[in-house]
Amino acid sequence: MNVFMLVAMTASTSGMMAETRWADSCALFLLLSGAVSLGIAGYLLARAPKFNPARQHRRRI
């Protein structure tokens, strides 16, 4: 998370100096990439525990 925050800070500071369109597109790209990565991580974390109890339940039966 620290690297992501550093990248966001540098992108925002350099975006102020550069054109506003580039700053908006970079901010949107960072937000989308962060949302996608969080979504994939959340999906994997939510999906993993569902398989383990099912396997344990099958072993018990």
Protein backbone atom coordinates (compact mmCIF):
# COMPACT_ATOMS: atom_id res chain seq x y z
CA MET A 1 0.00 0.00 0.00
CA ASN A 2 2.89 2.37 0.68
CA VAL A 3 4.16 2.05 -2.90
CA PHE A 4 0.65 2.63 -4.25
CA MET A 5 0.27 5.75 -2.11
CA LEU A 6 3.66 7.05 -3.26
CA VAL A 7 2.71 6.48 -6.89
CA ALA A 8 -0.62 8.26 -6.35
CA MET A 9 1.09 11.21 -4.64
CA THR A 10 3.73 11.58 -7.36
CA ALA A 11 1.06 11.25 -10.07
CA SER A 12 -1.10 13.93 -8.45
CA THR A 13 1.79 16.35 -7.89
CA SER A 14 3.16 15.89 -11.41
CA GLY A 15 -0.40 16.09 -12.79
CA MET A 16 -0.80 19.57 -11.31
CA MET A 17 2.27 20.71 -13.21
CA ALA A 18 1.23 18.91 -16.39
CA GLU A 19 -2.03 19.13 -18.30
CA THR A 20 -5.29 18.57 -16.44
CA ARG A 21 -6.46 15.95 -18.94
CA TRP A 22 -3.36 13.84 -18.30
CA ALA A 23 -3.88 14.18 -14.53
CA ASP A 24 -7.53 13.11 -14.83
CA SER A 25 -6.68 10.12 -17.00
CA CYS A 26 -3.83 9.08 -14.68
CA ALA A 27 -6.07 9.43 -11.61
CA LEU A 28 -8.80 7.39 -13.30
CA PHE A 29 -6.27 4.73 -14.29
CA LEU A 30 -4.92 4.52 -10.72
CA LEU A 31 -8.44 4.30 -9.28
CA LEU A 32 -9.50 1.64 -11.79
CA SER A 33 -6.35 -0.43 -11.30
CA GLY A 34 -6.73 -0.20 -7.51
CA ALA A 35 -10.40 -1.15 -7.68
CA VAL A 36 -9.69 -4.11 -9.98
CA SER A 37 -6.84 -5.37 -7.77
CA LEU A 38 -9.00 -5.02 -4.63
CA GLY A 39 -11.88 -6.76 -6.40
CA ILE A 40 -9.70 -9.69 -7.46
CA ALA A 41 -8.16 -9.97 -3.99
CA GLY A 42 -11.59 -9.80 -2.34
CA TYR A 43 -12.98 -12.38 -4.76
CA LEU A 44 -10.13 -14.79 -4.07
CA LEU A 45 -10.36 -14.26 -0.30
CA ALA A 46 -14.14 -14.77 -0.37
CA ARG A 47 -13.86 -17.80 -2.64
CA ALA A 48 -11.04 -19.64 -0.83
CA PRO A 49 -12.80 -20.33 2.53
CA LYS A 50 -15.86 -21.73 0.74
CA PHE A 51 -13.89 -24.60 -0.78
CA ASN A 52 -12.01 -25.63 2.37
CA PRO A 53 -15.13 -26.32 4.54
CA ALA A 54 -16.69 -28.16 1.61
CA ARG A 55 -13.65 -30.45 1.30
CA GLN A 56 -13.59 -30.99 5.06
CA HIS A 57 -17.31 -31.73 5.03
CA ARG A 58 -16.86 -34.28 2.24
CA ARG A 59 -14.01 -35.90 4.14
CA ARG A 60 -16.17 -36.13 7.25
CA ILE A 61 -18.93 -37.83 5.31
